[in-house]
Amino acid sequence: MTLLRHPNYTRLSPYAHKLVQDLARQYSGFNNGYLCASWALMQDAHWKSENTVRKAAKELEHYHIIERTKQGGRNQPNLYAFTWRRIDYKKDRPLDRSATAKPSDSWKNERPDYVRSTGKRKTAKVKSEELVQRPVLLRDAKEAA
């Protein structure tokens, strides 16, 4: 089964699909493991929100379409590799993961649906809407007193 027809790939959100394409544009054939989804690069690719890029990367990691090869930190971006290609190694740029002779192909293992996290604002809004939807009855008010 090819990646494009696999259930993991077909369940991706539109943002995750776009991020795969933007990372694929960076791929030269010899730099898998050094693909970067930093905000500076993604702004040039017409992304509007840094948070959306981060969520799309988390979704791709969940489905094992990409894997993190280097954890970013202060002024350093996370680096990623496609799981259907081997991880390359550059002498002067070490990764947290070692280079591989063959791809992991972990995208082939079907994963459960990705559950997108809701932010604090959205959670608070839902709770306030639930309160508005439930009318207070006179009978309930008397029982509470």
N, C-alpha and C. Protein backbone atom coordinates (compact mmCIF):
# COMPACT_ATOMS: atom_id res chain seq x y z
N MET A 1 0.84 -1.18 0.00
CA MET A 1 0.00 0.00 0.00
C MET A 1 0.89 1.24 0.00
N THR A 2 0.53 2.20 -0.79
CA THR A 2 1.32 3.42 -0.86
C THR A 2 0.91 4.39 0.24
N LEU A 3 1.80 5.31 0.52
CA LEU A 3 1.55 6.30 1.57
C LEU A 3 0.28 7.10 1.29
N LEU A 4 0.08 7.53 0.06
CA LEU A 4 -1.06 8.40 -0.26
C LEU A 4 -2.40 7.72 -0.06
N ARG A 5 -2.44 6.39 -0.07
CA ARG A 5 -3.69 5.66 0.12
C ARG A 5 -3.84 5.09 1.52
N HIS A 6 -2.83 5.24 2.33
CA HIS A 6 -2.85 4.66 3.68
C HIS A 6 -3.81 5.43 4.58
N PRO A 7 -4.54 4.73 5.48
CA PRO A 7 -5.48 5.41 6.38
C PRO A 7 -4.83 6.51 7.23
N ASN A 8 -3.59 6.31 7.66
CA ASN A 8 -2.92 7.36 8.44
C ASN A 8 -2.82 8.65 7.64
N TYR A 9 -2.53 8.54 6.36
CA TYR A 9 -2.36 9.73 5.53
C TYR A 9 -3.70 10.35 5.17
N THR A 10 -4.69 9.52 4.90
CA THR A 10 -5.99 10.06 4.49
C THR A 10 -6.71 10.77 5.63
N ARG A 11 -6.35 10.47 6.87
CA ARG A 11 -6.99 11.12 8.02
C ARG A 11 -6.32 12.44 8.41
N LEU A 12 -5.26 12.82 7.74
CA LEU A 12 -4.55 14.05 8.09
C LEU A 12 -5.44 15.28 7.85
N SER A 13 -5.26 16.26 8.70
CA SER A 13 -5.96 17.54 8.52
C SER A 13 -5.36 18.28 7.33
N PRO A 14 -6.07 19.26 6.79
CA PRO A 14 -5.50 20.04 5.68
C PRO A 14 -4.17 20.71 6.04
N TYR A 15 -4.04 21.16 7.28
CA TYR A 15 -2.79 21.80 7.70
C TYR A 15 -1.64 20.80 7.71
N ALA A 16 -1.90 19.57 8.14
CA ALA A 16 -0.86 18.55 8.15
C ALA A 16 -0.45 18.20 6.72
N HIS A 17 -1.42 18.14 5.81
CA HIS A 17 -1.10 17.90 4.40
C HIS A 17 -0.20 19.01 3.86
N LYS A 18 -0.52 20.24 4.20
CA LYS A 18 0.30 21.36 3.72
C LYS A 18 1.71 21.29 4.29
N LEU A 19 1.83 20.91 5.56
CA LEU A 19 3.16 20.84 6.16
C LEU A 19 4.00 19.75 5.50
N VAL A 20 3.39 18.62 5.15
CA VAL A 20 4.12 17.56 4.43
C VAL A 20 4.67 18.13 3.12
N GLN A 21 3.84 18.88 2.41
CA GLN A 21 4.28 19.45 1.14
C GLN A 21 5.40 20.47 1.34
N ASP A 22 5.29 21.29 2.38
CA ASP A 22 6.32 22.30 2.64
C ASP A 22 7.63 21.65 3.06
N LEU A 23 7.57 20.58 3.84
CA LEU A 23 8.79 19.86 4.21
C LEU A 23 9.38 19.14 2.99
N ALA A 24 8.51 18.61 2.14
CA ALA A 24 8.98 17.91 0.93
C ALA A 24 9.72 18.87 0.00
N ARG A 25 9.30 20.14 -0.01
CA ARG A 25 10.01 21.13 -0.82
C ARG A 25 11.44 21.34 -0.35
N GLN A 26 11.69 21.14 0.94
CA GLN A 26 13.04 21.30 1.48
C GLN A 26 13.93 20.09 1.16
N TYR A 27 13.30 18.93 0.93
CA TYR A 27 14.06 17.69 0.77
C TYR A 27 14.83 17.68 -0.55
N SER A 28 16.15 17.44 -0.46
CA SER A 28 17.01 17.46 -1.64
C SER A 28 17.44 16.06 -2.08
N GLY A 29 17.11 15.06 -1.30
CA GLY A 29 17.57 13.70 -1.59
C GLY A 29 18.67 13.27 -0.65
N PHE A 30 19.31 14.23 0.02
CA PHE A 30 20.44 13.92 0.90
C PHE A 30 20.34 14.64 2.25
N ASN A 31 19.16 15.18 2.57
CA ASN A 31 19.04 15.93 3.82
C ASN A 31 17.86 15.47 4.69
N ASN A 32 17.43 14.22 4.54
CA ASN A 32 16.35 13.73 5.39
C ASN A 32 16.88 13.64 6.82
N GLY A 33 16.17 14.24 7.73
CA GLY A 33 16.62 14.36 9.11
C GLY A 33 16.94 15.80 9.44
N TYR A 34 17.10 16.61 8.42
CA TYR A 34 17.42 18.03 8.59
C TYR A 34 16.30 18.92 8.06
N LEU A 35 15.09 18.38 7.98
CA LEU A 35 13.95 19.15 7.51
C LEU A 35 13.43 20.00 8.66
N CYS A 36 13.13 21.23 8.38
CA CYS A 36 12.83 22.20 9.43
C CYS A 36 11.45 22.83 9.22
N ALA A 37 10.67 22.87 10.29
CA ALA A 37 9.35 23.52 10.24
C ALA A 37 9.36 24.76 11.13
N SER A 38 10.45 25.50 11.11
CA SER A 38 10.54 26.70 11.95
C SER A 38 9.57 27.76 11.45
N TRP A 39 9.17 28.62 12.35
CA TRP A 39 8.22 29.66 12.03
C TRP A 39 8.76 30.60 10.96
N ALA A 40 10.05 30.90 11.00
CA ALA A 40 10.64 31.80 10.00
C ALA A 40 10.49 31.22 8.59
N LEU A 41 10.73 29.93 8.43
CA LEU A 41 10.59 29.29 7.11
C LEU A 41 9.13 29.15 6.71
N MET A 42 8.28 28.82 7.67
CA MET A 42 6.88 28.58 7.35
C MET A 42 6.13 29.88 7.04
N GLN A 43 6.58 31.00 7.58
CA GLN A 43 5.97 32.28 7.21
C GLN A 43 6.19 32.55 5.72
N ASP A 44 7.36 32.21 5.23
CA ASP A 44 7.64 32.38 3.80
C ASP A 44 6.79 31.45 2.95
N ALA A 45 6.31 30.35 3.55
CA ALA A 45 5.45 29.41 2.85
C ALA A 45 3.97 29.76 3.07
N HIS A 46 3.71 30.97 3.56
CA HIS A 46 2.36 31.53 3.72
C HIS A 46 1.55 30.91 4.85
N TRP A 47 2.21 30.44 5.89
CA TRP A 47 1.50 30.02 7.09
C TRP A 47 1.16 31.28 7.87
N LYS A 48 0.00 31.27 8.53
CA LYS A 48 -0.46 32.47 9.25
C LYS A 48 -0.30 32.36 10.76
N SER A 49 -0.07 31.15 11.29
CA SER A 49 -0.01 30.99 12.74
C SER A 49 1.08 30.00 13.12
N GLU A 50 1.93 30.40 14.03
CA GLU A 50 2.99 29.52 14.53
C GLU A 50 2.38 28.33 15.27
N ASN A 51 1.29 28.56 15.97
CA ASN A 51 0.62 27.49 16.70
C ASN A 51 0.07 26.43 15.75
N THR A 52 -0.45 26.85 14.61
CA THR A 52 -0.97 25.91 13.62
C THR A 52 0.14 25.03 13.06
N VAL A 53 1.30 25.60 12.82
CA VAL A 53 2.46 24.83 12.34
C VAL A 53 2.84 23.78 13.38
N ARG A 54 2.87 24.19 14.64
CA ARG A 54 3.23 23.29 15.73
C ARG A 54 2.23 22.13 15.84
N LYS A 55 0.94 22.44 15.74
CA LYS A 55 -0.10 21.40 15.83
C LYS A 55 -0.02 20.45 14.64
N ALA A 56 0.25 20.98 13.45
CA ALA A 56 0.37 20.13 12.26
C ALA A 56 1.56 19.19 12.40
N ALA A 57 2.67 19.68 12.94
CA ALA A 57 3.85 18.82 13.15
C ALA A 57 3.55 17.73 14.17
N LYS A 58 2.83 18.07 15.24
CA LYS A 58 2.45 17.06 16.24
C LYS A 58 1.57 15.99 15.62
N GLU A 59 0.66 16.40 14.75
CA GLU A 59 -0.21 15.44 14.08
C GLU A 59 0.59 14.52 13.17
N LEU A 60 1.53 15.07 12.42
CA LEU A 60 2.36 14.24 11.55
C LEU A 60 3.22 13.28 12.36
N GLU A 61 3.70 13.71 13.52
CA GLU A 61 4.46 12.82 14.39
C GLU A 61 3.56 11.72 14.95
N HIS A 62 2.32 12.06 15.28
CA HIS A 62 1.38 11.07 15.81
C HIS A 62 1.17 9.93 14.80
N TYR A 63 0.98 10.28 13.55
CA TYR A 63 0.75 9.28 12.51
C TYR A 63 2.05 8.69 11.96
N HIS A 64 3.19 9.09 12.50
CA HIS A 64 4.50 8.59 12.08
C HIS A 64 4.80 8.89 10.62
N ILE A 65 4.29 10.00 10.13
CA ILE A 65 4.64 10.45 8.78
C ILE A 65 6.03 11.08 8.84
N ILE A 66 6.29 11.81 9.92
CA ILE A 66 7.62 12.36 10.17
C ILE A 66 8.05 11.94 11.57
N GLU A 67 9.35 12.00 11.80
CA GLU A 67 9.87 11.77 13.15
C GLU A 67 10.88 12.87 13.47
N ARG A 68 10.92 13.23 14.73
CA ARG A 68 11.83 14.28 15.17
C ARG A 68 13.23 13.69 15.28
N THR A 69 14.18 14.32 14.64
CA THR A 69 15.57 13.83 14.68
C THR A 69 16.44 14.68 15.58
N LYS A 70 16.01 15.90 15.85
CA LYS A 70 16.75 16.76 16.77
C LYS A 70 15.76 17.65 17.50
N GLN A 71 15.82 17.57 18.82
CA GLN A 71 14.96 18.41 19.65
C GLN A 71 15.49 19.83 19.63
N GLY A 72 14.63 20.76 19.30
CA GLY A 72 15.02 22.16 19.29
C GLY A 72 15.13 22.70 20.70
N GLY A 73 15.59 23.89 20.79
CA GLY A 73 15.73 24.55 22.08
C GLY A 73 15.79 26.04 21.87
N ARG A 74 16.52 26.67 22.71
CA ARG A 74 16.63 28.13 22.63
C ARG A 74 17.26 28.53 21.29
N ASN A 75 16.48 29.18 20.47
CA ASN A 75 16.91 29.65 19.14
C ASN A 75 17.35 28.52 18.21
N GLN A 76 16.93 27.31 18.48
CA GLN A 76 17.22 26.17 17.61
C GLN A 76 15.91 25.46 17.28
N PRO A 77 15.61 25.22 16.01
CA PRO A 77 14.35 24.58 15.65
C PRO A 77 14.43 23.06 15.80
N ASN A 78 13.26 22.43 15.91
CA ASN A 78 13.20 20.97 15.82
C ASN A 78 13.54 20.59 14.38
N LEU A 79 14.20 19.46 14.21
CA LEU A 79 14.47 18.94 12.87
C LEU A 79 13.72 17.63 12.71
N TYR A 80 13.29 17.35 11.48
CA TYR A 80 12.44 16.19 11.22
C TYR A 80 12.98 15.38 10.05
N ALA A 81 12.48 14.14 9.98
CA ALA A 81 12.79 13.25 8.86
C ALA A 81 11.50 12.58 8.41
N PHE A 82 11.37 12.33 7.13
CA PHE A 82 10.26 11.53 6.62
C PHE A 82 10.55 10.07 6.97
N THR A 83 9.54 9.34 7.38
CA THR A 83 9.76 7.95 7.79
C THR A 83 9.84 6.99 6.61
N TRP A 84 9.51 7.44 5.41
CA TRP A 84 9.62 6.56 4.25
C TRP A 84 10.96 6.71 3.53
N ARG A 85 11.85 7.53 4.08
CA ARG A 85 13.21 7.69 3.54
C ARG A 85 14.20 7.44 4.67
N ARG A 86 15.41 7.01 4.32
CA ARG A 86 16.44 6.80 5.34
C ARG A 86 16.90 8.14 5.90
N ILE A 87 17.39 8.13 7.13
CA ILE A 87 17.89 9.36 7.74
C ILE A 87 19.33 9.57 7.30
N ASP A 88 19.61 10.74 6.76
CA ASP A 88 20.95 11.08 6.28
C ASP A 88 21.77 11.68 7.42
N TYR A 89 23.07 11.71 7.22
CA TYR A 89 23.97 12.26 8.24
C TYR A 89 24.90 13.27 7.59
N LYS A 90 25.03 14.41 8.22
CA LYS A 90 25.98 15.43 7.78
C LYS A 90 27.05 15.55 8.86
N LYS A 91 28.28 15.47 8.45
CA LYS A 91 29.42 15.39 9.37
C LYS A 91 29.43 16.50 10.42
N ASP A 92 29.19 17.71 10.02
CA ASP A 92 29.29 18.85 10.93
C ASP A 92 27.97 19.21 11.62
N ARG A 93 26.91 18.44 11.38
CA ARG A 93 25.61 18.73 11.99
C ARG A 93 25.02 17.47 12.61
N PRO A 94 25.41 17.12 13.84
CA PRO A 94 24.92 15.89 14.46
C PRO A 94 23.43 15.98 14.82
N LEU A 95 22.79 14.83 14.84
CA LEU A 95 21.37 14.72 15.20
C LEU A 95 21.23 13.94 16.50
N ASP A 96 20.05 14.01 17.11
CA ASP A 96 19.76 13.19 18.29
C ASP A 96 19.58 11.73 17.90
N ARG A 97 19.18 11.49 16.66
CA ARG A 97 19.01 10.14 16.13
C ARG A 97 20.18 9.84 15.20
N SER A 98 20.58 8.60 15.14
CA SER A 98 21.68 8.25 14.24
C SER A 98 21.15 8.05 12.82
N ALA A 99 22.04 8.11 11.86
CA ALA A 99 21.68 7.87 10.46
C ALA A 99 21.25 6.42 10.30
N THR A 100 20.40 6.17 9.32
CA THR A 100 19.90 4.82 9.09
C THR A 100 20.22 4.38 7.68
N ALA A 101 20.42 3.08 7.51
CA ALA A 101 20.70 2.53 6.19
C ALA A 101 19.42 2.35 5.38
N LYS A 102 18.30 2.16 6.08
CA LYS A 102 17.02 2.01 5.40
C LYS A 102 15.94 2.76 6.18
N PRO A 103 14.84 3.09 5.53
CA PRO A 103 13.78 3.85 6.21
C PRO A 103 13.08 3.01 7.27
N SER A 104 12.52 3.69 8.27
CA SER A 104 11.79 2.97 9.33
C SER A 104 10.43 2.50 8.84
N ASP A 105 9.83 3.21 7.89
CA ASP A 105 8.50 2.89 7.36
C ASP A 105 7.46 2.75 8.45
N SER A 106 7.62 3.48 9.55
CA SER A 106 6.66 3.37 10.64
C SER A 106 5.30 3.97 10.28
N TRP A 107 5.20 4.71 9.19
CA TRP A 107 3.91 5.23 8.74
C TRP A 107 2.97 4.09 8.36
N LYS A 108 3.50 2.91 8.06
CA LYS A 108 2.67 1.78 7.64
C LYS A 108 1.85 1.19 8.78
N ASN A 109 2.25 1.45 10.02
CA ASN A 109 1.51 0.94 11.17
C ASN A 109 0.32 1.85 11.43
N GLU A 110 -0.88 1.29 11.28
CA GLU A 110 -2.08 2.12 11.44
C GLU A 110 -2.20 2.61 12.87
N ARG A 111 -2.52 3.87 13.00
CA ARG A 111 -2.61 4.53 14.31
C ARG A 111 -4.05 4.97 14.57
N PRO A 112 -4.42 5.14 15.85
CA PRO A 112 -5.76 5.66 16.14
C PRO A 112 -5.89 7.11 15.68
N ASP A 113 -7.11 7.58 15.59
CA ASP A 113 -7.34 8.97 15.17
C ASP A 113 -6.60 9.93 16.08
N TYR A 114 -6.10 10.99 15.49
CA TYR A 114 -5.42 12.03 16.24
C TYR A 114 -6.46 12.92 16.91
N VAL A 115 -6.32 13.13 18.20
CA VAL A 115 -7.24 13.98 18.94
C VAL A 115 -6.57 15.33 19.12
N ARG A 116 -7.13 16.33 18.50
CA ARG A 116 -6.57 17.67 18.60
C ARG A 116 -6.90 18.25 19.97
N SER A 117 -5.91 18.81 20.61
CA SER A 117 -6.13 19.40 21.93
C SER A 117 -6.86 20.72 21.78
N THR A 118 -7.67 21.02 22.77
CA THR A 118 -8.36 22.31 22.77
C THR A 118 -7.65 23.23 23.73
N GLY A 119 -7.56 24.46 23.38
CA GLY A 119 -6.88 25.44 24.23
C GLY A 119 -7.72 25.81 25.44
N LYS A 120 -7.14 26.57 26.34
CA LYS A 120 -7.84 26.98 27.55
C LYS A 120 -9.06 27.83 27.23
N ARG A 121 -8.93 28.72 26.26
CA ARG A 121 -10.05 29.59 25.90
C ARG A 121 -11.23 28.79 25.40
N LYS A 122 -10.95 27.82 24.52
CA LYS A 122 -12.02 27.04 23.93
C LYS A 122 -12.73 26.22 25.01
N THR A 123 -11.97 25.64 25.93
CA THR A 123 -12.56 24.86 27.01
C THR A 123 -13.43 25.75 27.88
N ALA A 124 -12.96 26.93 28.22
CA ALA A 124 -13.74 27.85 29.05
C ALA A 124 -15.01 28.28 28.33
N LYS A 125 -14.92 28.50 27.03
CA LYS A 125 -16.08 28.92 26.26
C LYS A 125 -17.14 27.83 26.25
N VAL A 126 -16.72 26.57 26.07
CA VAL A 126 -17.66 25.46 26.06
C VAL A 126 -18.37 25.37 27.41
N LYS A 127 -17.64 25.50 28.50
CA LYS A 127 -18.25 25.42 29.83
C LYS A 127 -19.26 26.54 30.02
N SER A 128 -18.96 27.75 29.59
CA SER A 128 -19.90 28.85 29.76
C SER A 128 -21.14 28.66 28.89
N GLU A 129 -20.98 28.07 27.70
CA GLU A 129 -22.13 27.79 26.84
C GLU A 129 -23.03 26.74 27.47
N GLU A 130 -22.43 25.74 28.13
CA GLU A 130 -23.23 24.72 28.80
C GLU A 130 -24.08 25.34 29.89
N LEU A 131 -23.53 26.31 30.60
CA LEU A 131 -24.28 26.97 31.67
C LEU A 131 -25.44 27.77 31.11
N VAL A 132 -25.25 28.41 29.99
CA VAL A 132 -26.30 29.22 29.38
C VAL A 132 -27.42 28.33 28.86
N GLN A 133 -27.10 27.17 28.33
CA GLN A 133 -28.09 26.30 27.72
C GLN A 133 -29.04 25.67 28.74
N ARG A 134 -28.62 25.51 29.98
CA ARG A 134 -29.46 24.86 30.99
C ARG A 134 -30.23 25.93 31.76
N PRO A 135 -31.52 26.05 31.51
CA PRO A 135 -32.29 27.07 32.23
C PRO A 135 -32.50 26.65 33.69
N VAL A 136 -32.53 27.62 34.56
CA VAL A 136 -32.78 27.37 35.97
C VAL A 136 -34.29 27.39 36.18
N LEU A 137 -34.81 26.30 36.70
CA LEU A 137 -36.24 26.21 36.95
C LEU A 137 -36.54 26.71 38.36
N LEU A 138 -37.73 27.22 38.55
CA LEU A 138 -38.15 27.73 39.85
C LEU A 138 -38.13 26.60 40.88
N ARG A 139 -38.53 25.40 40.44
CA ARG A 139 -38.55 24.24 41.33
C ARG A 139 -37.14 23.93 41.83
N ASP A 140 -36.13 24.00 40.93
CA ASP A 140 -34.74 23.73 41.32
C ASP A 140 -34.25 24.76 42.32
N ALA A 141 -34.66 26.01 42.14
CA ALA A 141 -34.23 27.07 43.04
C ALA A 141 -34.81 26.86 44.44
N LYS A 142 -36.07 26.40 44.54
CA LYS A 142 -36.70 26.15 45.84
C LYS A 142 -36.03 24.98 46.55
N GLU A 143 -35.67 23.92 45.79
CA GLU A 143 -35.02 22.75 46.38
C GLU A 143 -33.63 23.10 46.90
N ALA A 144 -32.95 24.00 46.22
CA ALA A 144 -31.61 24.39 46.64
C ALA A 144 -31.63 25.24 47.90
N ALA A 145 -32.73 25.96 48.13
CA ALA A 145 -32.81 26.85 49.30
C ALA A 145 -33.12 26.15 50.59
